[in-house]
Amino acid sequence: MALEASDKTVDQLKNKRTTAKVKFTRLANLLSKGADSMIKAELKEFKKFSADARRVLEDKDVYRTGLLSEGLEGLRWSLTSSRQLTLRRQSKTLG
């Protein structure tokens, strides 16, 4: 670098520095615009994801309400209760 600087005039060095700064600034601007649009795209995807998640939760609630209205929820609980009774019986015979 020092050898290169000694062979060139101050104006040549200034031009070289200016050219490097312009290239750097253009690249930085290009990258920042790309990052900005990428962030916007990610926010749009998150918004879609959130809406889909809300729909899934709403559909789950509607389905659960339907199960309750048909009495199937009680069937599930009775199965769970019978499993618990079976486990209690087994532990008494083992003990």
PDB file of N, CA and C in Angstrom:
ATOM      1  N   MET A   1       0.811  -1.186   0.000  1.00  0.00           N
ATOM      2  CA  MET A   1       0.000   0.000   0.000  1.00  0.00           C
ATOM      3  C   MET A   1       0.857   1.254   0.000  1.00  0.00           C
ATOM      4  N   ALA A   2       1.879   1.278   0.852  1.00  0.00           N
ATOM      5  CA  ALA A   2       2.740   2.461   0.938  1.00  0.00           C
ATOM      6  C   ALA A   2       3.520   2.651  -0.352  1.00  0.00           C
ATOM      7  N   LEU A   3       3.984   1.553  -0.962  1.00  0.00           N
ATOM      8  CA  LEU A   3       4.694   1.655  -2.239  1.00  0.00           C
ATOM      9  C   LEU A   3       3.763   2.154  -3.325  1.00  0.00           C
ATOM     10  N   GLU A   4       2.530   1.673  -3.313  1.00  0.00           N
ATOM     11  CA  GLU A   4       1.552   2.097  -4.311  1.00  0.00           C
ATOM     12  C   GLU A   4       1.258   3.583  -4.143  1.00  0.00           C
ATOM     13  N   ALA A   5       1.148   4.048  -2.916  1.00  0.00           N
ATOM     14  CA  ALA A   5       0.850   5.452  -2.645  1.00  0.00           C
ATOM     15  C   ALA A   5       1.988   6.359  -3.085  1.00  0.00           C
ATOM     16  N   SER A   6       3.215   5.912  -2.952  1.00  0.00           N
ATOM     17  CA  SER A   6       4.343   6.768  -3.313  1.00  0.00           C
ATOM     18  C   SER A   6       4.476   6.924  -4.822  1.00  0.00           C
ATOM     19  N   ASP A   7       3.968   5.960  -5.602  1.00  0.00           N
ATOM     20  CA  ASP A   7       4.069   6.030  -7.055  1.00  0.00           C
ATOM     21  C   ASP A   7       2.963   6.874  -7.686  1.00  0.00           C
ATOM     22  N   LYS A   8       1.919   7.214  -6.950  1.00  0.00           N
ATOM     23  CA  LYS A   8       0.781   7.934  -7.522  1.00  0.00           C
ATOM     24  C   LYS A   8       0.678   9.331  -6.920  1.00  0.00           C
ATOM     25  N   THR A   9       0.045  10.207  -7.682  1.00  0.00           N
ATOM     26  CA  THR A   9      -0.166  11.572  -7.194  1.00  0.00           C
ATOM     27  C   THR A   9      -1.349  11.585  -6.222  1.00  0.00           C
ATOM     28  N   VAL A  10      -1.477  12.671  -5.531  1.00  0.00           N
ATOM     29  CA  VAL A  10      -2.573  12.824  -4.568  1.00  0.00           C
ATOM     30  C   VAL A  10      -3.916  12.771  -5.285  1.00  0.00           C
ATOM     31  N   ASP A  11      -4.006  13.373  -6.473  1.00  0.00           N
ATOM     32  CA  ASP A  11      -5.262  13.353  -7.229  1.00  0.00           C
ATOM     33  C   ASP A  11      -5.630  11.928  -7.653  1.00  0.00           C
ATOM     34  N   GLN A  12      -4.646  11.135  -8.059  1.00  0.00           N
ATOM     35  CA  GLN A  12      -4.914   9.746  -8.438  1.00  0.00           C
ATOM     36  C   GLN A  12      -5.396   8.942  -7.227  1.00  0.00           C
ATOM     37  N   LEU A  13      -4.757   9.176  -6.090  1.00  0.00           N
ATOM     38  CA  LEU A  13      -5.173   8.480  -4.871  1.00  0.00           C
ATOM     39  C   LEU A  13      -6.592   8.887  -4.457  1.00  0.00           C
ATOM     40  N   LYS A  14      -6.891  10.191  -4.631  1.00  0.00           N
ATOM     41  CA  LYS A  14      -8.221  10.684  -4.294  1.00  0.00           C
ATOM     42  C   LYS A  14      -9.259  10.037  -5.202  1.00  0.00           C
ATOM     43  N   ASN A  15      -8.958   9.957  -6.499  1.00  0.00           N
ATOM     44  CA  ASN A  15      -9.885   9.329  -7.449  1.00  0.00           C
ATOM     45  C   ASN A  15     -10.102   7.846  -7.120  1.00  0.00           C
ATOM     46  N   LYS A  16      -9.011   7.174  -6.771  1.00  0.00           N
ATOM     47  CA  LYS A  16      -9.120   5.755  -6.428  1.00  0.00           C
ATOM     48  C   LYS A  16      -9.989   5.578  -5.179  1.00  0.00           C
ATOM     49  N   ARG A  17      -9.768   6.441  -4.185  1.00  0.00           N
ATOM     50  CA  ARG A  17     -10.567   6.375  -2.961  1.00  0.00           C
ATOM     51  C   ARG A  17     -12.028   6.666  -3.253  1.00  0.00           C
ATOM     52  N   THR A  18     -12.289   7.682  -4.081  1.00  0.00           N
ATOM     53  CA  THR A  18     -13.658   8.042  -4.430  1.00  0.00           C
ATOM     54  C   THR A  18     -14.352   6.898  -5.158  1.00  0.00           C
ATOM     55  N   THR A  19     -13.657   6.263  -6.087  1.00  0.00           N
ATOM     56  CA  THR A  19     -14.218   5.127  -6.824  1.00  0.00           C
ATOM     57  C   THR A  19     -14.570   3.987  -5.867  1.00  0.00           C
ATOM     58  N   ALA A  20     -13.676   3.707  -4.932  1.00  0.00           N
ATOM     59  CA  ALA A  20     -13.929   2.641  -3.961  1.00  0.00           C
ATOM     60  C   ALA A  20     -15.127   2.981  -3.071  1.00  0.00           C
ATOM     61  N   LYS A  21     -15.231   4.255  -2.648  1.00  0.00           N
ATOM     62  CA  LYS A  21     -16.354   4.676  -1.812  1.00  0.00           C
ATOM     63  C   LYS A  21     -17.673   4.567  -2.560  1.00  0.00           C
ATOM     64  N   VAL A  22     -17.671   4.953  -3.850  1.00  0.00           N
ATOM     65  CA  VAL A  22     -18.894   4.881  -4.658  1.00  0.00           C
ATOM     66  C   VAL A  22     -19.344   3.428  -4.803  1.00  0.00           C
ATOM     67  N   LYS A  23     -18.396   2.536  -5.105  1.00  0.00           N
ATOM     68  CA  LYS A  23     -18.735   1.111  -5.234  1.00  0.00           C
ATOM     69  C   LYS A  23     -19.296   0.569  -3.924  1.00  0.00           C
ATOM     70  N   PHE A  24     -18.628   0.932  -2.824  1.00  0.00           N
ATOM     71  CA  PHE A  24     -19.073   0.462  -1.517  1.00  0.00           C
ATOM     72  C   PHE A  24     -20.471   0.982  -1.195  1.00  0.00           C
ATOM     73  N   THR A  25     -20.716   2.276  -1.441  1.00  0.00           N
ATOM     74  CA  THR A  25     -22.010   2.877  -1.142  1.00  0.00           C
ATOM     75  C   THR A  25     -23.114   2.238  -1.973  1.00  0.00           C
ATOM     76  N   ARG A  26     -22.847   2.013  -3.271  1.00  0.00           N
ATOM     77  CA  ARG A  26     -23.851   1.363  -4.128  1.00  0.00           C
ATOM     78  C   ARG A  26     -24.189  -0.035  -3.616  1.00  0.00           C
ATOM     79  N   LEU A  27     -23.167  -0.785  -3.259  1.00  0.00           N
ATOM     80  CA  LEU A  27     -23.390  -2.135  -2.754  1.00  0.00           C
ATOM     81  C   LEU A  27     -24.146  -2.104  -1.427  1.00  0.00           C
ATOM     82  N   ALA A  28     -23.779  -1.184  -0.548  1.00  0.00           N
ATOM     83  CA  ALA A  28     -24.471  -1.066   0.742  1.00  0.00           C
ATOM     84  C   ALA A  28     -25.939  -0.706   0.540  1.00  0.00           C
ATOM     85  N   ASN A  29     -26.219   0.215  -0.381  1.00  0.00           N
ATOM     86  CA  ASN A  29     -27.605   0.592  -0.666  1.00  0.00           C
ATOM     87  C   ASN A  29     -28.387  -0.575  -1.250  1.00  0.00           C
ATOM     88  N   LEU A  30     -27.756  -1.313  -2.142  1.00  0.00           N
ATOM     89  CA  LEU A  30     -28.407  -2.477  -2.742  1.00  0.00           C
ATOM     90  C   LEU A  30     -28.750  -3.514  -1.674  1.00  0.00           C
ATOM     91  N   LEU A  31     -27.791  -3.776  -0.795  1.00  0.00           N
ATOM     92  CA  LEU A  31     -28.025  -4.752   0.267  1.00  0.00           C
ATOM     93  C   LEU A  31     -29.091  -4.287   1.250  1.00  0.00           C
ATOM     94  N   SER A  32     -29.083  -3.013   1.596  1.00  0.00           N
ATOM     95  CA  SER A  32     -30.076  -2.528   2.557  1.00  0.00           C
ATOM     96  C   SER A  32     -31.474  -2.549   1.956  1.00  0.00           C
ATOM     97  N   LYS A  33     -31.605  -2.259   0.656  1.00  0.00           N
ATOM     98  CA  LYS A  33     -32.916  -2.357   0.001  1.00  0.00           C
ATOM     99  C   LYS A  33     -33.372  -3.808  -0.032  1.00  0.00           C
ATOM    100  N   GLY A  34     -32.454  -4.713  -0.314  1.00  0.00           N
ATOM    101  CA  GLY A  34     -32.792  -6.138  -0.323  1.00  0.00           C
ATOM    102  C   GLY A  34     -33.214  -6.624   1.047  1.00  0.00           C
ATOM    103  N   ALA A  35     -32.520  -6.161   2.077  1.00  0.00           N
ATOM    104  CA  ALA A  35     -32.869  -6.556   3.445  1.00  0.00           C
ATOM    105  C   ALA A  35     -34.225  -5.989   3.828  1.00  0.00           C
ATOM    106  N   ASP A  36     -34.509  -4.768   3.404  1.00  0.00           N
ATOM    107  CA  ASP A  36     -35.794  -4.149   3.709  1.00  0.00           C
ATOM    108  C   ASP A  36     -36.931  -4.943   3.089  1.00  0.00           C
ATOM    109  N   SER A  37     -36.788  -5.325   1.820  1.00  0.00           N
ATOM    110  CA  SER A  37     -37.853  -6.096   1.178  1.00  0.00           C
ATOM    111  C   SER A  37     -37.946  -7.487   1.775  1.00  0.00           C
ATOM    112  N   MET A  38     -36.810  -8.042   2.196  1.00  0.00           N
ATOM    113  CA  MET A  38     -36.831  -9.361   2.820  1.00  0.00           C
ATOM    114  C   MET A  38     -37.584  -9.282   4.151  1.00  0.00           C
ATOM    115  N   ILE A  39     -37.372  -8.246   4.899  1.00  0.00           N
ATOM    116  CA  ILE A  39     -38.067  -8.086   6.171  1.00  0.00           C
ATOM    117  C   ILE A  39     -39.562  -7.944   5.923  1.00  0.00           C
ATOM    118  N   LYS A  40     -39.951  -7.161   4.910  1.00  0.00           N
ATOM    119  CA  LYS A  40     -41.364  -7.005   4.589  1.00  0.00           C
ATOM    120  C   LYS A  40     -41.970  -8.338   4.178  1.00  0.00           C
ATOM    121  N   ALA A  41     -41.247  -9.113   3.390  1.00  0.00           N
ATOM    122  CA  ALA A  41     -41.747 -10.419   2.961  1.00  0.00           C
ATOM    123  C   ALA A  41     -41.907 -11.354   4.156  1.00  0.00           C
ATOM    124  N   GLU A  42     -40.940 -11.318   5.073  1.00  0.00           N
ATOM    125  CA  GLU A  42     -41.041 -12.157   6.265  1.00  0.00           C
ATOM    126  C   GLU A  42     -42.224 -11.744   7.127  1.00  0.00           C
ATOM    127  N   LEU A  43     -42.489 -10.445   7.227  1.00  0.00           N
ATOM    128  CA  LEU A  43     -43.640  -9.980   7.996  1.00  0.00           C
ATOM    129  C   LEU A  43     -44.947 -10.435   7.355  1.00  0.00           C
ATOM    130  N   LYS A  44     -45.005 -10.414   6.033  1.00  0.00           N
ATOM    131  CA  LYS A  44     -46.205 -10.895   5.340  1.00  0.00           C
ATOM    132  C   LYS A  44     -46.407 -12.383   5.604  1.00  0.00           C
ATOM    133  N   GLU A  45     -45.328 -13.158   5.560  1.00  0.00           N
ATOM    134  CA  GLU A  45     -45.423 -14.594   5.844  1.00  0.00           C
ATOM    135  C   GLU A  45     -45.886 -14.834   7.277  1.00  0.00           C
ATOM    136  N   PHE A  46     -45.367 -14.045   8.219  1.00  0.00           N
ATOM    137  CA  PHE A  46     -45.772 -14.205   9.610  1.00  0.00           C
ATOM    138  C   PHE A  46     -47.242 -13.856   9.779  1.00  0.00           C
ATOM    139  N   LYS A  47     -47.707 -12.843   9.053  1.00  0.00           N
ATOM    140  CA  LYS A  47     -49.116 -12.461   9.120  1.00  0.00           C
ATOM    141  C   LYS A  47     -49.990 -13.605   8.607  1.00  0.00           C
ATOM    142  N   LYS A  48     -49.579 -14.241   7.494  1.00  0.00           N
ATOM    143  CA  LYS A  48     -50.321 -15.394   6.974  1.00  0.00           C
ATOM    144  C   LYS A  48     -50.292 -16.541   7.977  1.00  0.00           C
ATOM    145  N   PHE A  49     -49.129 -16.790   8.564  1.00  0.00           N
ATOM    146  CA  PHE A  49     -48.981 -17.861   9.547  1.00  0.00           C
ATOM    147  C   PHE A  49     -49.897 -17.623  10.743  1.00  0.00           C
ATOM    148  N   SER A  50     -49.949 -16.389  11.222  1.00  0.00           N
ATOM    149  CA  SER A  50     -50.796 -16.057  12.369  1.00  0.00           C
ATOM    150  C   SER A  50     -52.268 -16.251  12.035  1.00  0.00           C
ATOM    151  N   ALA A  51     -52.665 -15.846  10.836  1.00  0.00           N
ATOM    152  CA  ALA A  51     -54.058 -16.027  10.422  1.00  0.00           C
ATOM    153  C   ALA A  51     -54.404 -17.511  10.333  1.00  0.00           C
ATOM    154  N   ASP A  52     -53.504 -18.313   9.783  1.00  0.00           N
ATOM    155  CA  ASP A  52     -53.734 -19.758   9.704  1.00  0.00           C
ATOM    156  C   ASP A  52     -53.830 -20.373  11.099  1.00  0.00           C
ATOM    157  N   ALA A  53     -52.988 -19.931  12.003  1.00  0.00           N
ATOM    158  CA  ALA A  53     -53.024 -20.450  13.376  1.00  0.00           C
ATOM    159  C   ALA A  53     -54.350 -20.109  14.047  1.00  0.00           C
ATOM    160  N   ARG A  54     -54.846 -18.889  13.830  1.00  0.00           N
ATOM    161  CA  ARG A  54     -56.145 -18.512  14.396  1.00  0.00           C
ATOM    162  C   ARG A  54     -57.253 -19.391  13.840  1.00  0.00           C
ATOM    163  N   ARG A  55     -57.207 -19.663  12.510  1.00  0.00           N
ATOM    164  CA  ARG A  55     -58.224 -20.529  11.897  1.00  0.00           C
ATOM    165  C   ARG A  55     -58.187 -21.933  12.490  1.00  0.00           C
ATOM    166  N   VAL A  56     -56.997 -22.462  12.697  1.00  0.00           N
ATOM    167  CA  VAL A  56     -56.869 -23.805  13.277  1.00  0.00           C
ATOM    168  C   VAL A  56     -57.473 -23.828  14.679  1.00  0.00           C
ATOM    169  N   LEU A  57     -57.170 -22.823  15.490  1.00  0.00           N
ATOM    170  CA  LEU A  57     -57.720 -22.776  16.846  1.00  0.00           C
ATOM    171  C   LEU A  57     -59.239 -22.631  16.836  1.00  0.00           C
ATOM    172  N   GLU A  58     -59.756 -21.802  15.937  1.00  0.00           N
ATOM    173  CA  GLU A  58     -61.207 -21.641  15.834  1.00  0.00           C
ATOM    174  C   GLU A  58     -61.865 -22.944  15.400  1.00  0.00           C
ATOM    175  N   ASP A  59     -61.287 -23.619  14.406  1.00  0.00           N
ATOM    176  CA  ASP A  59     -61.842 -24.890  13.936  1.00  0.00           C
ATOM    177  C   ASP A  59     -61.788 -25.951  15.030  1.00  0.00           C
ATOM    178  N   LYS A  60     -60.722 -25.945  15.825  1.00  0.00           N
ATOM    179  CA  LYS A  60     -60.606 -26.893  16.939  1.00  0.00           C
ATOM    180  C   LYS A  60     -61.722 -26.653  17.947  1.00  0.00           C
ATOM    181  N   ASP A  61     -61.997 -25.381  18.247  1.00  0.00           N
ATOM    182  CA  ASP A  61     -63.061 -25.064  19.197  1.00  0.00           C
ATOM    183  C   ASP A  61     -64.427 -25.486  18.665  1.00  0.00           C
ATOM    184  N   VAL A  62     -64.663 -25.267  17.382  1.00  0.00           N
ATOM    185  CA  VAL A  62     -65.934 -25.667  16.775  1.00  0.00           C
ATOM    186  C   VAL A  62     -66.078 -27.186  16.822  1.00  0.00           C
ATOM    187  N   TYR A  63     -65.015 -27.904  16.512  1.00  0.00           N
ATOM    188  CA  TYR A  63     -65.037 -29.367  16.541  1.00  0.00           C
ATOM    189  C   TYR A  63     -65.293 -29.869  17.963  1.00  0.00           C
ATOM    190  N   ARG A  64     -64.639 -29.272  18.942  1.00  0.00           N
ATOM    191  CA  ARG A  64     -64.835 -29.678  20.338  1.00  0.00           C
ATOM    192  C   ARG A  64     -66.272 -29.423  20.772  1.00  0.00           C
ATOM    193  N   THR A  65     -66.835 -28.302  20.349  1.00  0.00           N
ATOM    194  CA  THR A  65     -68.228 -28.007  20.666  1.00  0.00           C
ATOM    195  C   THR A  65     -69.143 -29.060  20.061  1.00  0.00           C
ATOM    196  N   GLY A  66     -68.843 -29.461  18.821  1.00  0.00           N
ATOM    197  CA  GLY A  66     -69.625 -30.524  18.185  1.00  0.00           C
ATOM    198  C   GLY A  66     -69.521 -31.837  18.941  1.00  0.00           C
ATOM    199  N   LEU A  67     -68.328 -32.176  19.397  1.00  0.00           N
ATOM    200  CA  LEU A  67     -68.155 -33.403  20.182  1.00  0.00           C
ATOM    201  C   LEU A  67     -68.957 -33.345  21.480  1.00  0.00           C
ATOM    202  N   LEU A  68     -68.917 -32.204  22.134  1.00  0.00           N
ATOM    203  CA  LEU A  68     -69.672 -32.052  23.375  1.00  0.00           C
ATOM    204  C   LEU A  68     -71.168 -32.182  23.129  1.00  0.00           C
ATOM    205  N   SER A  69     -71.638 -31.611  22.029  1.00  0.00           N
ATOM    206  CA  SER A  69     -73.075 -31.670  21.757  1.00  0.00           C
ATOM    207  C   SER A  69     -73.526 -33.087  21.420  1.00  0.00           C
ATOM    208  N   GLU A  70     -72.662 -33.927  20.902  1.00  0.00           N
ATOM    209  CA  GLU A  70     -73.023 -35.307  20.579  1.00  0.00           C
ATOM    210  C   GLU A  70     -72.740 -36.268  21.730  1.00  0.00           C
ATOM    211  N   GLY A  71     -72.119 -35.792  22.790  1.00  0.00           N
ATOM    212  CA  GLY A  71     -71.838 -36.638  23.931  1.00  0.00           C
ATOM    213  C   GLY A  71     -70.588 -37.476  23.778  1.00  0.00           C
ATOM    214  N   LEU A  72     -69.800 -37.259  22.739  1.00  0.00           N
ATOM    215  CA  LEU A  72     -68.595 -38.054  22.541  1.00  0.00           C
ATOM    216  C   LEU A  72     -67.493 -37.676  23.517  1.00  0.00           C
ATOM    217  N   GLU A  73     -67.552 -36.469  24.034  1.00  0.00           N
ATOM    218  CA  GLU A  73     -66.540 -36.047  25.003  1.00  0.00           C
ATOM    219  C   GLU A  73     -66.662 -36.895  26.269  1.00  0.00           C
ATOM    220  N   GLY A  74     -67.881 -37.194  26.692  1.00  0.00           N
ATOM    221  CA  GLY A  74     -68.090 -38.046  27.861  1.00  0.00           C
ATOM    222  C   GLY A  74     -67.558 -39.448  27.642  1.00  0.00           C
ATOM    223  N   LEU A  75     -67.656 -39.961  26.415  1.00  0.00           N
ATOM    224  CA  LEU A  75     -67.127 -41.285  26.100  1.00  0.00           C
ATOM    225  C   LEU A  75     -65.619 -41.308  26.309  1.00  0.00           C
ATOM    226  N   ARG A  76     -64.952 -40.259  25.889  1.00  0.00           N
ATOM    227  CA  ARG A  76     -63.505 -40.189  26.074  1.00  0.00           C
ATOM    228  C   ARG A  76     -63.150 -40.202  27.558  1.00  0.00           C
ATOM    229  N   TRP A  77     -63.907 -39.443  28.338  1.00  0.00           N
ATOM    230  CA  TRP A  77     -63.628 -39.410  29.769  1.00  0.00           C
ATOM    231  C   TRP A  77     -63.906 -40.751  30.424  1.00  0.00           C
ATOM    232  N   SER A  78     -64.932 -41.456  29.963  1.00  0.00           N
ATOM    233  CA  SER A  78     -65.207 -42.757  30.572  1.00  0.00           C
ATOM    234  C   SER A  78     -64.097 -43.742  30.244  1.00  0.00           C
ATOM    235  N   LEU A  79     -63.532 -43.645  29.036  1.00  0.00           N
ATOM    236  CA  LEU A  79     -62.409 -44.509  28.702  1.00  0.00           C
ATOM    237  C   LEU A  79     -61.214 -44.194  29.588  1.00  0.00           C
ATOM    238  N   THR A  80     -60.970 -42.926  29.811  1.00  0.00           N
ATOM    239  CA  THR A  80     -59.867 -42.529  30.673  1.00  0.00           C
ATOM    240  C   THR A  80     -60.104 -43.030  32.094  1.00  0.00           C
ATOM    241  N   SER A  81     -61.341 -42.924  32.573  1.00  0.00           N
ATOM    242  CA  SER A  81     -61.654 -43.387  33.920  1.00  0.00           C
ATOM    243  C   SER A  81     -61.465 -44.886  34.031  1.00  0.00           C
ATOM    244  N   SER A  82     -61.876 -45.653  33.010  1.00  0.00           N
ATOM    245  CA  SER A  82     -61.721 -47.103  33.085  1.00  0.00           C
ATOM    246  C   SER A  82     -60.252 -47.488  33.063  1.00  0.00           C
ATOM    247  N   ARG A  83     -59.424 -46.750  32.341  1.00  0.00           N
ATOM    248  CA  ARG A  83     -57.986 -47.019  32.341  1.00  0.00           C
ATOM    249  C   ARG A  83     -57.414 -46.765  33.734  1.00  0.00           C
ATOM    250  N   GLN A  84     -57.855 -45.702  34.357  1.00  0.00           N
ATOM    251  CA  GLN A  84     -57.368 -45.404  35.702  1.00  0.00           C
ATOM    252  C   GLN A  84     -57.796 -46.486  36.684  1.00  0.00           C
ATOM    253  N   LEU A  85     -59.033 -46.983  36.537  1.00  0.00           N
ATOM    254  CA  LEU A  85     -59.496 -48.061  37.412  1.00  0.00           C
ATOM    255  C   LEU A  85     -58.660 -49.314  37.202  1.00  0.00           C
ATOM    256  N   THR A  86     -58.336 -49.611  35.955  1.00  0.00           N
ATOM    257  CA  THR A  86     -57.526 -50.782  35.653  1.00  0.00           C
ATOM    258  C   THR A  86     -56.152 -50.650  36.292  1.00  0.00           C
ATOM    259  N   LEU A  87     -55.573 -49.487  36.209  1.00  0.00           N
ATOM    260  CA  LEU A  87     -54.264 -49.274  36.812  1.00  0.00           C
ATOM    261  C   LEU A  87     -54.324 -49.415  38.327  1.00  0.00           C
ATOM    262  N   ARG A  88     -55.397 -48.946  38.934  1.00  0.00           N
ATOM    263  CA  ARG A  88     -55.523 -49.056  40.390  1.00  0.00           C
ATOM    264  C   ARG A  88     -55.653 -50.517  40.803  1.00  0.00           C
ATOM    265  N   ARG A  89     -56.416 -51.277  40.044  1.00  0.00           N
ATOM    266  CA  ARG A  89     -56.578 -52.691  40.369  1.00  0.00           C
ATOM    267  C   ARG A  89     -55.246 -53.427  40.256  1.00  0.00           C
ATOM    268  N   GLN A  90     -54.480 -53.111  39.195  1.00  0.00           N
ATOM    269  CA  GLN A  90     -53.201 -53.789  39.006  1.00  0.00           C
ATOM    270  C   GLN A  90     -52.231 -53.442  40.129  1.00  0.00           C
ATOM    271  N   SER A  91     -52.209 -52.204  40.553  1.00  0.00           N
ATOM    272  CA  SER A  91     -51.265 -51.826  41.606  1.00  0.00           C
ATOM    273  C   SER A  91     -51.639 -52.478  42.936  1.00  0.00           C
ATOM    274  N   LYS A  92     -52.939 -52.712  43.203  1.00  0.00           N
ATOM    275  CA  LYS A  92     -53.342 -53.362  44.444  1.00  0.00           C
ATOM    276  C   LYS A  92     -52.939 -54.831  44.436  1.00  0.00           C
ATOM    277  N   THR A  93     -53.068 -55.498  43.289  1.00  0.00           N
ATOM    278  CA  THR A  93     -52.713 -56.913  43.236  1.00  0.00           C
ATOM    279  C   THR A  93     -51.211 -57.108  43.310  1.00  0.00           C
ATOM    280  N   LEU A  94     -50.457 -56.116  42.789  1.00  0.00           N
ATOM    281  CA  LEU A  94     -49.002 -56.241  42.833  1.00  0.00           C
ATOM    282  C   LEU A  94     -48.462 -55.959  44.227  1.00  0.00           C
ATOM    283  N   GLY A  95     -49.128 -55.084  44.974  1.00  0.00           N
ATOM    284  CA  GLY A  95     -48.607 -54.646  46.257  1.00  0.00           C
ATOM    285  C   GLY A  95     -48.868 -55.614  47.325  1.00  0.00           C
TER     286      GLY A  95
END
